[in-house]
Structures are given as structure tokens and as C-alpha cells.
C-alpha atoms as a PDB file:
ATOM      1  CA  MET A   1      84.627  76.993 109.859  1.00  0.00           C
ATOM      2  CA  ILE A   2      87.764  78.890 110.868  1.00  0.00           C
ATOM      3  CA  ARG A   3      85.610  81.664 112.322  1.00  0.00           C
ATOM      4  CA  GLU A   4      83.717  79.157 114.471  1.00  0.00           C
ATOM      5  CA  PHE A   5      86.970  77.661 115.732  1.00  0.00           C
ATOM      6  CA  LEU A   6      88.370  81.091 116.612  1.00  0.00           C
ATOM      7  CA  LEU A   7      85.174  82.047 118.428  1.00  0.00           C
ATOM      8  CA  LYS A   8      85.327  78.914 120.597  1.00  0.00           C
ATOM      9  CA  ILE A   9      88.932  79.193 121.781  1.00  0.00           C
ATOM     10  CA  ASN A  10      89.404  81.119 125.000  1.00  0.00           C
ATOM     11  CA  GLN A  11      92.860  82.636 124.859  1.00  0.00           C
ATOM     12  CA  PRO A  12      92.683  86.363 125.609  1.00  0.00           C
ATOM     13  CA  TRP A  13      96.474  86.732 125.428  1.00  0.00           C
ATOM     14  CA  LEU A  14      96.582  86.127 121.660  1.00  0.00           C
ATOM     15  CA  PRO A  15      95.623  89.706 120.630  1.00  0.00           C
ATOM     16  CA  THR A  16      98.233  91.047 123.045  1.00  0.00           C
ATOM     17  CA  LEU A  17     100.850  88.719 121.604  1.00  0.00           C
ATOM     18  CA  GLY A  18      99.902  89.724 118.058  1.00  0.00           C
ATOM     19  CA  THR A  19     100.114  93.418 118.878  1.00  0.00           C
ATOM     20  CA  ALA A  20     103.469  92.992 120.632  1.00  0.00           C
ATOM     21  CA  LEU A  21     104.806  91.001 117.678  1.00  0.00           C
ATOM     22  CA  PHE A  22     103.667  93.659 115.205  1.00  0.00           C
ATOM     23  CA  VAL A  23     105.160  96.508 117.231  1.00  0.00           C
ATOM     24  CA  GLY A  24     108.410  94.579 117.705  1.00  0.00           C
ATOM     25  CA  ILE A  25     108.800  93.919 113.978  1.00  0.00           C
ATOM     26  CA  PHE A  26     107.854  97.527 113.142  1.00  0.00           C
ATOM     27  CA  VAL A  27     110.395  98.997 115.566  1.00  0.00           C
ATOM     28  CA  GLY A  28     113.007  96.497 114.411  1.00  0.00           C
ATOM     29  CA  MET A  29     112.528  97.557 110.804  1.00  0.00           C
ATOM     30  CA  LEU A  30     112.828 101.227 111.739  1.00  0.00           C
ATOM     31  CA  ILE A  31     116.108 100.504 113.503  1.00  0.00           C
ATOM     32  CA  TRP A  32     117.341  98.395 110.558  1.00  0.00           C
ATOM     33  CA  ILE A  33     116.484 101.066 107.987  1.00  0.00           C
ATOM     34  CA  ASN A  34     118.130 103.869 109.974  1.00  0.00           C
ATOM     35  CA  ARG A  35     121.316 102.012 110.956  1.00  0.00           C
ATOM     36  CA  ARG A  36     124.708 103.591 110.394  1.00  0.00           C
ATOM     37  CA  GLY A  37     126.141 103.226 106.931  1.00  0.00           C
ATOM     38  CA  SER A  38     122.851 102.386 105.265  1.00  0.00           C
ATOM     39  CA  ASN A  39     122.406 105.779 103.579  1.00  0.00           C
ATOM     40  CA  SER A  40     124.833 104.950 100.787  1.00  0.00           C
ATOM     41  CA  TYR A  41     123.105 101.627 100.164  1.00  0.00           C
ATOM     42  CA  TYR A  42     119.646 103.217  99.916  1.00  0.00           C
ATOM     43  CA  GLU A  43     121.006 106.065  97.791  1.00  0.00           C
ATOM     44  CA  GLU A  44     122.441 103.532  95.340  1.00  0.00           C
ATOM     45  CA  ALA A  45     119.291 101.391  95.397  1.00  0.00           C
ATOM     46  CA  SER A  46     117.077 104.395  94.676  1.00  0.00           C
ATOM     47  CA  PHE A  47     118.621 104.754  91.201  1.00  0.00           C
ATOM     48  CA  LEU A  48     118.289 101.072  90.232  1.00  0.00           C
ATOM     49  CA  PRO A  49     114.809 101.358  88.673  1.00  0.00           C
ATOM     50  CA  LEU A  50     115.942 104.327  86.596  1.00  0.00           C
ATOM     51  CA  ASP A  51     119.116 102.557  85.469  1.00  0.00           C
ATOM     52  CA  GLU A  52     117.218  99.408  84.529  1.00  0.00           C
ATOM     53  CA  GLY A  53     114.711 101.476  82.535  1.00  0.00           C
ATOM     54  CA  VAL A  54     117.470 103.156  80.544  1.00  0.00           C
ATOM     55  CA  LYS A  55     119.159  99.795  79.813  1.00  0.00           C
ATOM     56  CA  SER A  56     115.953  98.202  78.564  1.00  0.00           C
ATOM     57  CA  GLU A  57     115.240 101.076  76.139  1.00  0.00           C
ATOM     58  CA  ARG A  58     118.585 100.728  74.375  1.00  0.00           C
END
């Protein structure tokens, strides 16, 4: 039913909008991850699973 509805609508700009939205979010996340001062946060967060594992074994 959804497939039939999507086949009947005639809006060729939707794939372009979807691609632009995906690329925008992807680039935004790359900028967010590589912002200044985030290295210490990610360094600290990388040890959290190991610390939690040690606490649960005690």
C-alpha cells in the first residue's frame, strides 16, 4: 500500500532533498566530532566500557 502511494506521487525533488539532508547531517557530525576540545572528552569516554567492566567484576 505504501509502495503504491509512493509510485503515484510525482515529486522528483524528494530524492534530492533526501540526499542533501543526509550529506548535511553527515558533514555536521564530522564537524561536531572533530571540534576543538573534544579530544579529551572522547579519550575519557573510550575508557568507560573498560572501567564499567572492572567495577561489575568486583
